[in-house]
Amino acid sequence: QVFFNENHLGGNDDVQQLQTDGKLAEKVEMVKNTPVTMMQ
């Protein structure tokens, strides 16, 4: 189960699908540039 900060991306199939759809890079940029907040 993969999380970027407090956002749940899902399991391997979900992550691979995001990669296939070209949506993972955007999420990667977000997690690289957004410090985690402990609000959650």
ModelCIF file with pLDDT and N, C-alpha, C, O atoms, coordinates in Angstrom:
data_MODEL
#
_entry.id   MODEL 
#
_entity.id                         1 
_entity.type                       polymer 
_entity.pdbx_number_of_molecules   1 
#
_entity_poly.entity_id                      1 
_entity_poly.type                           'polypeptide(L)' 
_entity_poly.nstd_linkage                   no 
_entity_poly.nstd_monomer                   no 
_entity_poly.pdbx_seq_one_letter_code       QVFFNENHLGGNDDVQQLQTDGKLAEKVEMVKNTPVTMMQ 
_entity_poly.pdbx_seq_one_letter_code_can   QVFFNENHLGGNDDVQQLQTDGKLAEKVEMVKNTPVTMMQ 
_entity_poly.pdbx_strand_id                 A 
#
loop_
_entity_poly_seq.entity_id 
_entity_poly_seq.num 
_entity_poly_seq.mon_id 
_entity_poly_seq.hetero 
1 1  GLN n 
1 2  VAL n 
1 3  PHE n 
1 4  PHE n 
1 5  ASN n 
1 6  GLU n 
1 7  ASN n 
1 8  HIS n 
1 9  LEU n 
1 10 GLY n 
1 11 GLY n 
1 12 ASN n 
1 13 ASP n 
1 14 ASP n 
1 15 VAL n 
1 16 GLN n 
1 17 GLN n 
1 18 LEU n 
1 19 GLN n 
1 20 THR n 
1 21 ASP n 
1 22 GLY n 
1 23 LYS n 
1 24 LEU n 
1 25 ALA n 
1 26 GLU n 
1 27 LYS n 
1 28 VAL n 
1 29 GLU n 
1 30 MET n 
1 31 VAL n 
1 32 LYS n 
1 33 ASN n 
1 34 THR n 
1 35 PRO n 
1 36 VAL n 
1 37 THR n 
1 38 MET n 
1 39 MET n 
1 40 GLN n 
#
_struct_asym.id          A 
_struct_asym.entity_id   1 
#
loop_
_ma_qa_metric.id 
_ma_qa_metric.mode 
_ma_qa_metric.name 
_ma_qa_metric.software_group_id 
_ma_qa_metric.type 
1 global pLDDT . pLDDT 
2 local  pLDDT . pLDDT 
#
_ma_qa_metric_global.metric_id      1 
_ma_qa_metric_global.metric_value   92.12 
_ma_qa_metric_global.model_id       1 
_ma_qa_metric_global.ordinal_id     1 
#
loop_
_ma_qa_metric_local.label_asym_id 
_ma_qa_metric_local.label_comp_id 
_ma_qa_metric_local.label_seq_id 
_ma_qa_metric_local.metric_id 
_ma_qa_metric_local.metric_value 
_ma_qa_metric_local.model_id 
_ma_qa_metric_local.ordinal_id 
A GLN 1  2 98.00 1 1  
A VAL 2  2 98.00 1 2  
A PHE 3  2 97.00 1 3  
A PHE 4  2 96.00 1 4  
A ASN 5  2 94.00 1 5  
A GLU 6  2 91.00 1 6  
A ASN 7  2 94.00 1 7  
A HIS 8  2 97.00 1 8  
A LEU 9  2 98.00 1 9  
A GLY 10 2 98.00 1 10 
A GLY 11 2 98.00 1 11 
A ASN 12 2 98.00 1 12 
A ASP 13 2 98.00 1 13 
A ASP 14 2 98.00 1 14 
A VAL 15 2 98.00 1 15 
A GLN 16 2 98.00 1 16 
A GLN 17 2 98.00 1 17 
A LEU 18 2 98.00 1 18 
A GLN 19 2 98.00 1 19 
A THR 20 2 98.00 1 20 
A ASP 21 2 98.00 1 21 
A GLY 22 2 97.00 1 22 
A LYS 23 2 98.00 1 23 
A LEU 24 2 98.00 1 24 
A ALA 25 2 97.00 1 25 
A GLU 26 2 97.00 1 26 
A LYS 27 2 97.00 1 27 
A VAL 28 2 97.00 1 28 
A GLU 29 2 96.00 1 29 
A MET 30 2 95.00 1 30 
A VAL 31 2 96.00 1 31 
A LYS 32 2 96.00 1 32 
A ASN 33 2 95.00 1 33 
A THR 34 2 92.00 1 34 
A PRO 35 2 89.00 1 35 
A VAL 36 2 78.00 1 36 
A THR 37 2 72.00 1 37 
A MET 38 2 60.00 1 38 
A MET 39 2 51.00 1 39 
A GLN 40 2 45.00 1 40 
#
loop_
_atom_site.group_PDB 
_atom_site.id 
_atom_site.type_symbol 
_atom_site.label_atom_id 
_atom_site.label_alt_id 
_atom_site.label_comp_id 
_atom_site.label_asym_id 
_atom_site.label_entity_id 
_atom_site.label_seq_id 
_atom_site.pdbx_PDB_ins_code 
_atom_site.Cartn_x 
_atom_site.Cartn_y 
_atom_site.Cartn_z 
_atom_site.occupancy 
_atom_site.B_iso_or_equiv 
_atom_site.pdbx_formal_charge 
_atom_site.auth_seq_id 
_atom_site.auth_comp_id 
_atom_site.auth_asym_id 
_atom_site.auth_atom_id 
_atom_site.pdbx_PDB_model_num 
ATOM 1   N N  . GLN A 1 1  ? 0.889  -1.160 0.000   1.00 98.00 ? 1  GLN A N  1 
ATOM 2   C CA . GLN A 1 1  ? 0.000  0.000  0.000   1.00 98.00 ? 1  GLN A CA 1 
ATOM 3   C C  . GLN A 1 1  ? 0.926  1.209  0.000   1.00 98.00 ? 1  GLN A C  1 
ATOM 4   O O  . GLN A 1 1  ? 1.779  1.357  0.875   1.00 98.00 ? 1  GLN A O  1 
ATOM 5   N N  . VAL A 1 2  ? 0.742  2.069  -0.996  1.00 98.00 ? 2  VAL A N  1 
ATOM 6   C CA . VAL A 1 2  ? 1.663  3.186  -1.202  1.00 98.00 ? 2  VAL A CA 1 
ATOM 7   C C  . VAL A 1 2  ? 0.974  4.495  -0.856  1.00 98.00 ? 2  VAL A C  1 
ATOM 8   O O  . VAL A 1 2  ? -0.164 4.748  -1.252  1.00 98.00 ? 2  VAL A O  1 
ATOM 9   N N  . PHE A 1 3  ? 1.692  5.312  -0.110  1.00 97.00 ? 3  PHE A N  1 
ATOM 10  C CA . PHE A 1 3  ? 1.196  6.639  0.284   1.00 97.00 ? 3  PHE A CA 1 
ATOM 11  C C  . PHE A 1 3  ? 2.217  7.702  -0.093  1.00 97.00 ? 3  PHE A C  1 
ATOM 12  O O  . PHE A 1 3  ? 3.416  7.541  0.139   1.00 97.00 ? 3  PHE A O  1 
ATOM 13  N N  . PHE A 1 4  ? 1.727  8.787  -0.675  1.00 96.00 ? 4  PHE A N  1 
ATOM 14  C CA . PHE A 1 4  ? 2.542  9.982  -0.886  1.00 96.00 ? 4  PHE A CA 1 
ATOM 15  C C  . PHE A 1 4  ? 2.044  10.971 0.148   1.00 96.00 ? 4  PHE A C  1 
ATOM 16  O O  . PHE A 1 4  ? 0.911  11.444 0.059   1.00 96.00 ? 4  PHE A O  1 
ATOM 17  N N  . ASN A 1 5  ? 2.886  11.293 1.141   1.00 94.00 ? 5  ASN A N  1 
ATOM 18  C CA . ASN A 1 5  ? 2.440  12.041 2.312   1.00 94.00 ? 5  ASN A CA 1 
ATOM 19  C C  . ASN A 1 5  ? 1.229  11.297 2.871   1.00 94.00 ? 5  ASN A C  1 
ATOM 20  O O  . ASN A 1 5  ? 1.312  10.090 3.101   1.00 94.00 ? 5  ASN A O  1 
ATOM 21  N N  . GLU A 1 6  ? 0.105  11.985 3.096   1.00 91.00 ? 6  GLU A N  1 
ATOM 22  C CA . GLU A 1 6  ? -1.051 11.250 3.632   1.00 91.00 ? 6  GLU A CA 1 
ATOM 23  C C  . GLU A 1 6  ? -1.995 10.757 2.542   1.00 91.00 ? 6  GLU A C  1 
ATOM 24  O O  . GLU A 1 6  ? -3.060 10.220 2.847   1.00 91.00 ? 6  GLU A O  1 
ATOM 25  N N  . ASN A 1 7  ? -1.619 10.933 1.275   1.00 94.00 ? 7  ASN A N  1 
ATOM 26  C CA . ASN A 1 7  ? -2.489 10.507 0.175   1.00 94.00 ? 7  ASN A CA 1 
ATOM 27  C C  . ASN A 1 7  ? -2.234 9.052  -0.203  1.00 94.00 ? 7  ASN A C  1 
ATOM 28  O O  . ASN A 1 7  ? -1.106 8.660  -0.501  1.00 94.00 ? 7  ASN A O  1 
ATOM 29  N N  . HIS A 1 8  ? -3.304 8.265  -0.186  1.00 97.00 ? 8  HIS A N  1 
ATOM 30  C CA . HIS A 1 8  ? -3.207 6.835  -0.508  1.00 97.00 ? 8  HIS A CA 1 
ATOM 31  C C  . HIS A 1 8  ? -3.240 6.653  -2.022  1.00 97.00 ? 8  HIS A C  1 
ATOM 32  O O  . HIS A 1 8  ? -4.222 7.013  -2.671  1.00 97.00 ? 8  HIS A O  1 
ATOM 33  N N  . LEU A 1 9  ? -2.173 6.096  -2.583  1.00 98.00 ? 9  LEU A N  1 
ATOM 34  C CA . LEU A 1 9  ? -2.149 5.824  -4.021  1.00 98.00 ? 9  LEU A CA 1 
ATOM 35  C C  . LEU A 1 9  ? -2.729 4.459  -4.335  1.00 98.00 ? 9  LEU A C  1 
ATOM 36  O O  . LEU A 1 9  ? -3.319 4.256  -5.396  1.00 98.00 ? 9  LEU A O  1 
ATOM 37  N N  . GLY A 1 10 ? -2.559 3.513  -3.400  1.00 98.00 ? 10 GLY A N  1 
ATOM 38  C CA . GLY A 1 10 ? -3.088 2.178  -3.614  1.00 98.00 ? 10 GLY A CA 1 
ATOM 39  C C  . GLY A 1 10 ? -1.986 1.145  -3.611  1.00 98.00 ? 10 GLY A C  1 
ATOM 40  O O  . GLY A 1 10 ? -0.902 1.368  -3.071  1.00 98.00 ? 10 GLY A O  1 
ATOM 41  N N  . GLY A 1 11 ? -2.279 0.015  -4.220  1.00 98.00 ? 11 GLY A N  1 
ATOM 42  C CA . GLY A 1 11 ? -1.327 -1.082 -4.293  1.00 98.00 ? 11 GLY A CA 1 
ATOM 43  C C  . GLY A 1 11 ? -0.484 -1.006 -5.553  1.00 98.00 ? 11 GLY A C  1 
ATOM 44  O O  . GLY A 1 11 ? -0.508 -0.002 -6.265  1.00 98.00 ? 11 GLY A O  1 
ATOM 45  N N  . ASN A 1 12 ? 0.261  -2.068 -5.826  1.00 98.00 ? 12 ASN A N  1 
ATOM 46  C CA . ASN A 1 12 ? 1.134  -2.093 -6.999  1.00 98.00 ? 12 ASN A CA 1 
ATOM 47  C C  . ASN A 1 12 ? 0.353  -1.891 -8.297  1.00 98.00 ? 12 ASN A C  1 
ATOM 48  O O  . ASN A 1 12 ? 0.780  -1.120 -9.157  1.00 98.00 ? 12 ASN A O  1 
ATOM 49  N N  . ASP A 1 13 ? -0.780 -2.570 -8.448  1.00 98.00 ? 13 ASP A N  1 
ATOM 50  C CA . ASP A 1 13 ? -1.573 -2.419 -9.678  1.00 98.00 ? 13 ASP A CA 1 
ATOM 51  C C  . ASP A 1 13 ? -1.977 -0.965 -9.889  1.00 98.00 ? 13 ASP A C  1 
ATOM 52  O O  . ASP A 1 13 ? -1.927 -0.450 -11.007 1.00 98.00 ? 13 ASP A O  1 
ATOM 53  N N  . ASP A 1 14 ? -2.380 -0.306 -8.794  1.00 98.00 ? 14 ASP A N  1 
ATOM 54  C CA . ASP A 1 14 ? -2.808 1.094  -8.881  1.00 98.00 ? 14 ASP A CA 1 
ATOM 55  C C  . ASP A 1 14 ? -1.646 1.996  -9.301  1.00 98.00 ? 14 ASP A C  1 
ATOM 56  O O  . ASP A 1 14 ? -1.796 2.870  -10.155 1.00 98.00 ? 14 ASP A O  1 
ATOM 57  N N  . VAL A 1 15 ? -0.491 1.767  -8.687  1.00 98.00 ? 15 VAL A N  1 
ATOM 58  C CA . VAL A 1 15 ? 0.683  2.581  -8.968  1.00 98.00 ? 15 VAL A CA 1 
ATOM 59  C C  . VAL A 1 15 ? 1.156  2.359  -10.409 1.00 98.00 ? 15 VAL A C  1 
ATOM 60  O O  . VAL A 1 15 ? 1.502  3.311  -11.109 1.00 98.00 ? 15 VAL A O  1 
ATOM 61  N N  . GLN A 1 16 ? 1.166  1.099  -10.841 1.00 98.00 ? 16 GLN A N  1 
ATOM 62  C CA . GLN A 1 16 ? 1.576  0.782  -12.219 1.00 98.00 ? 16 GLN A CA 1 
ATOM 63  C C  . GLN A 1 16 ? 0.588  1.413  -13.217 1.00 98.00 ? 16 GLN A C  1 
ATOM 64  O O  . GLN A 1 16 ? 0.989  1.894  -14.277 1.00 98.00 ? 16 GLN A O  1 
ATOM 65  N N  . GLN A 1 17 ? -0.703 1.404  -12.862 1.00 98.00 ? 17 GLN A N  1 
ATOM 66  C CA . GLN A 1 17 ? -1.722 1.989  -13.733 1.00 98.00 ? 17 GLN A CA 1 
ATOM 67  C C  . GLN A 1 17 ? -1.533 3.502  -13.848 1.00 98.00 ? 17 GLN A C  1 
ATOM 68  O O  . GLN A 1 17 ? -1.676 4.069  -14.931 1.00 98.00 ? 17 GLN A O  1 
ATOM 69  N N  . LEU A 1 18 ? -1.212 4.153  -12.726 1.00 98.00 ? 18 LEU A N  1 
ATOM 70  C CA . LEU A 1 18 ? -0.934 5.596  -12.752 1.00 98.00 ? 18 LEU A CA 1 
ATOM 71  C C  . LEU A 1 18 ? 0.253  5.880  -13.670 1.00 98.00 ? 18 LEU A C  1 
ATOM 72  O O  . LEU A 1 18 ? 0.257  6.858  -14.417 1.00 98.00 ? 18 LEU A O  1 
ATOM 73  N N  . GLN A 1 19 ? 1.259  5.007  -13.600 1.00 98.00 ? 19 GLN A N  1 
ATOM 74  C CA . GLN A 1 19 ? 2.439  5.150  -14.467 1.00 98.00 ? 19 GLN A CA 1 
ATOM 75  C C  . GLN A 1 19 ? 2.032  5.014  -15.928 1.00 98.00 ? 19 GLN A C  1 
ATOM 76  O O  . GLN A 1 19 ? 2.417  5.832  -16.764 1.00 98.00 ? 19 GLN A O  1 
ATOM 77  N N  . THR A 1 20 ? 1.245  3.969  -16.236 1.00 98.00 ? 20 THR A N  1 
ATOM 78  C CA . THR A 1 20 ? 0.772  3.711  -17.591 1.00 98.00 ? 20 THR A CA 1 
ATOM 79  C C  . THR A 1 20 ? -0.046 4.887  -18.125 1.00 98.00 ? 20 THR A C  1 
ATOM 80  O O  . THR A 1 20 ? 0.079  5.271  -19.288 1.00 98.00 ? 20 THR A O  1 
ATOM 81  N N  . ASP A 1 21 ? -0.881 5.448  -17.256 1.00 98.00 ? 21 ASP A N  1 
ATOM 82  C CA . ASP A 1 21 ? -1.743 6.573  -17.651 1.00 98.00 ? 21 ASP A CA 1 
ATOM 83  C C  . ASP A 1 21 ? -0.994 7.908  -17.688 1.00 98.00 ? 21 ASP A C  1 
ATOM 84  O O  . ASP A 1 21 ? -1.557 8.933  -18.075 1.00 98.00 ? 21 ASP A O  1 
ATOM 85  N N  . GLY A 1 22 ? 0.266  7.887  -17.286 1.00 97.00 ? 22 GLY A N  1 
ATOM 86  C CA . GLY A 1 22 ? 1.056  9.117  -17.283 1.00 97.00 ? 22 GLY A CA 1 
ATOM 87  C C  . GLY A 1 22 ? 0.709  10.063 -16.147 1.00 97.00 ? 22 GLY A C  1 
ATOM 88  O O  . GLY A 1 22 ? 1.049  11.245 -16.199 1.00 97.00 ? 22 GLY A O  1 
ATOM 89  N N  . LYS A 1 23 ? 0.038  9.559  -15.125 1.00 98.00 ? 23 LYS A N  1 
ATOM 90  C CA . LYS A 1 23 ? -0.399 10.410 -14.021 1.00 98.00 ? 23 LYS A CA 1 
ATOM 91  C C  . LYS A 1 23 ? 0.531  10.341 -12.810 1.00 98.00 ? 23 LYS A C  1 
ATOM 92  O O  . LYS A 1 23 ? 0.426  11.155 -11.892 1.00 98.00 ? 23 LYS A O  1 
ATOM 93  N N  . LEU A 1 24 ? 1.444  9.361  -12.815 1.00 98.00 ? 24 LEU A N  1 
ATOM 94  C CA . LEU A 1 24 ? 2.301  9.186  -11.651 1.00 98.00 ? 24 LEU A CA 1 
ATOM 95  C C  . LEU A 1 24 ? 3.335  10.304 -11.522 1.00 98.00 ? 24 LEU A C  1 
ATOM 96  O O  . LEU A 1 24 ? 3.624  10.765 -10.417 1.00 98.00 ? 24 LEU A O  1 
ATOM 97  N N  . ALA A 1 25 ? 3.889  10.736 -12.654 1.00 97.00 ? 25 ALA A N  1 
ATOM 98  C CA . ALA A 1 25 ? 4.941  11.773 -12.637 1.00 97.00 ? 25 ALA A CA 1 
ATOM 99  C C  . ALA A 1 25 ? 4.465  13.038 -11.919 1.00 97.00 ? 25 ALA A C  1 
ATOM 100 O O  . ALA A 1 25 ? 5.214  13.653 -11.160 1.00 97.00 ? 25 ALA A O  1 
ATOM 101 N N  . GLU A 1 26 ? 3.227  13.412 -12.169 1.00 97.00 ? 26 GLU A N  1 
ATOM 102 C CA . GLU A 1 26 ? 2.635  14.599 -11.544 1.00 97.00 ? 26 GLU A CA 1 
ATOM 103 C C  . GLU A 1 26 ? 2.565  14.430 -10.013 1.00 97.00 ? 26 GLU A C  1 
ATOM 104 O O  . GLU A 1 26 ? 2.875  15.351 -9.258  1.00 97.00 ? 26 GLU A O  1 
ATOM 105 N N  . LYS A 1 27 ? 2.154  13.242 -9.584  1.00 97.00 ? 27 LYS A N  1 
ATOM 106 C CA . LYS A 1 27 ? 2.074  12.951 -8.151  1.00 97.00 ? 27 LYS A CA 1 
ATOM 107 C C  . LYS A 1 27 ? 3.472  12.910 -7.531  1.00 97.00 ? 27 LYS A C  1 
ATOM 108 O O  . LYS A 1 27 ? 3.670  13.336 -6.393  1.00 97.00 ? 27 LYS A O  1 
ATOM 109 N N  . VAL A 1 28 ? 4.438  12.392 -8.295  1.00 97.00 ? 28 VAL A N  1 
ATOM 110 C CA . VAL A 1 28 ? 5.826  12.348 -7.840  1.00 97.00 ? 28 VAL A CA 1 
ATOM 111 C C  . VAL A 1 28 ? 6.344  13.768 -7.622  1.00 97.00 ? 28 VAL A C  1 
ATOM 112 O O  . VAL A 1 28 ? 6.972  14.056 -6.603  1.00 97.00 ? 28 VAL A O  1 
ATOM 113 N N  . GLU A 1 29 ? 6.078  14.654 -8.588  1.00 96.00 ? 29 GLU A N  1 
ATOM 114 C CA . GLU A 1 29 ? 6.504  16.046 -8.443  1.00 96.00 ? 29 GLU A CA 1 
ATOM 115 C C  . GLU A 1 29 ? 5.889  16.664 -7.201  1.00 96.00 ? 29 GLU A C  1 
ATOM 116 O O  . GLU A 1 29 ? 6.551  17.389 -6.459  1.00 96.00 ? 29 GLU A O  1 
ATOM 117 N N  . MET A 1 30 ? 4.615  16.367 -6.982  1.00 95.00 ? 30 MET A N  1 
ATOM 118 C CA . MET A 1 30 ? 3.914  16.906 -5.829  1.00 95.00 ? 30 MET A CA 1 
ATOM 119 C C  . MET A 1 30 ? 4.578  16.448 -4.528  1.00 95.00 ? 30 MET A C  1 
ATOM 120 O O  . MET A 1 30 ? 4.826  17.261 -3.638  1.00 95.00 ? 30 MET A O  1 
ATOM 121 N N  . VAL A 1 31 ? 4.862  15.159 -4.417  1.00 96.00 ? 31 VAL A N  1 
ATOM 122 C CA . VAL A 1 31 ? 5.441  14.652 -3.157  1.00 96.00 ? 31 VAL A CA 1 
ATOM 123 C C  . VAL A 1 31 ? 6.879  15.139 -2.979  1.00 96.00 ? 31 VAL A C  1 
ATOM 124 O O  . VAL A 1 31 ? 7.348  15.302 -1.852  1.00 96.00 ? 31 VAL A O  1 
ATOM 125 N N  . LYS A 1 32 ? 7.572  15.369 -4.085  1.00 96.00 ? 32 LYS A N  1 
ATOM 126 C CA . LYS A 1 32 ? 8.933  15.890 -3.986  1.00 96.00 ? 32 LYS A CA 1 
ATOM 127 C C  . LYS A 1 32 ? 8.944  17.322 -3.459  1.00 96.00 ? 32 LYS A C  1 
ATOM 128 O O  . LYS A 1 32 ? 9.879  17.740 -2.776  1.00 96.00 ? 32 LYS A O  1 
ATOM 129 N N  . ASN A 1 33 ? 7.888  18.067 -3.788  1.00 95.00 ? 33 ASN A N  1 
ATOM 130 C CA . ASN A 1 33 ? 7.861  19.492 -3.479  1.00 95.00 ? 33 ASN A CA 1 
ATOM 131 C C  . ASN A 1 33 ? 6.950  19.879 -2.328  1.00 95.00 ? 33 ASN A C  1 
ATOM 132 O O  . ASN A 1 33 ? 6.884  21.051 -1.957  1.00 95.00 ? 33 ASN A O  1 
ATOM 133 N N  . THR A 1 34 ? 6.246  18.910 -1.758  1.00 92.00 ? 34 THR A N  1 
ATOM 134 C CA . THR A 1 34 ? 5.301  19.212 -0.682  1.00 92.00 ? 34 THR A CA 1 
ATOM 135 C C  . THR A 1 34 ? 5.707  18.512 0.589   1.00 92.00 ? 34 THR A C  1 
ATOM 136 O O  . THR A 1 34 ? 5.621  17.287 0.674   1.00 92.00 ? 34 THR A O  1 
ATOM 137 N N  . PRO A 1 35 ? 6.154  19.273 1.593   1.00 89.00 ? 35 PRO A N  1 
ATOM 138 C CA . PRO A 1 35 ? 6.486  18.633 2.859   1.00 89.00 ? 35 PRO A CA 1 
ATOM 139 C C  . PRO A 1 35 ? 5.234  18.034 3.477   1.00 89.00 ? 35 PRO A C  1 
ATOM 140 O O  . PRO A 1 35 ? 4.130  18.549 3.296   1.00 89.00 ? 35 PRO A O  1 
ATOM 141 N N  . VAL A 1 36 ? 5.412  16.962 4.194   1.00 78.00 ? 36 VAL A N  1 
ATOM 142 C CA . VAL A 1 36 ? 4.280  16.320 4.848   1.00 78.00 ? 36 VAL A CA 1 
ATOM 143 C C  . VAL A 1 36 ? 3.760  17.204 5.976   1.00 78.00 ? 36 VAL A C  1 
ATOM 144 O O  . VAL A 1 36 ? 4.536  17.843 6.687   1.00 78.00 ? 36 VAL A O  1 
ATOM 145 N N  . THR A 1 37 ? 2.466  17.232 6.128   1.00 72.00 ? 37 THR A N  1 
ATOM 146 C CA . THR A 1 37 ? 1.872  17.964 7.253   1.00 72.00 ? 37 THR A CA 1 
ATOM 147 C C  . THR A 1 37 ? 1.263  16.929 8.171   1.00 72.00 ? 37 THR A C  1 
ATOM 148 O O  . THR A 1 37 ? 0.720  15.925 7.709   1.00 72.00 ? 37 THR A O  1 
ATOM 149 N N  . MET A 1 38 ? 1.346  17.160 9.431   1.00 60.00 ? 38 MET A N  1 
ATOM 150 C CA . MET A 1 38 ? 0.792  16.195 10.377  1.00 60.00 ? 38 MET A CA 1 
ATOM 151 C C  . MET A 1 38 ? -0.631 16.562 10.759  1.00 60.00 ? 38 MET A C  1 
ATOM 152 O O  . MET A 1 38 ? -1.100 16.203 11.839  1.00 60.00 ? 38 MET A O  1 
ATOM 153 N N  . MET A 1 39 ? -1.310 17.264 9.891   1.00 51.00 ? 39 MET A N  1 
ATOM 154 C CA . MET A 1 39 ? -2.702 17.655 10.115  1.00 51.00 ? 39 MET A CA 1 
ATOM 155 C C  . MET A 1 39 ? -3.598 16.418 10.142  1.00 51.00 ? 39 MET A C  1 
ATOM 156 O O  . MET A 1 39 ? -4.551 16.338 10.916  1.00 51.00 ? 39 MET A O  1 
ATOM 157 N N  . GLN A 1 40 ? -3.270 15.467 9.288   1.00 45.00 ? 40 GLN A N  1 
ATOM 158 C CA . GLN A 1 40 ? -4.076 14.265 9.138   1.00 45.00 ? 40 GLN A CA 1 
ATOM 159 C C  . GLN A 1 40 ? -3.885 13.350 10.341  1.00 45.00 ? 40 GLN A C  1 
ATOM 160 O O  . GLN A 1 40 ? -4.486 12.278 10.402  1.00 45.00 ? 40 GLN A O  1 
#
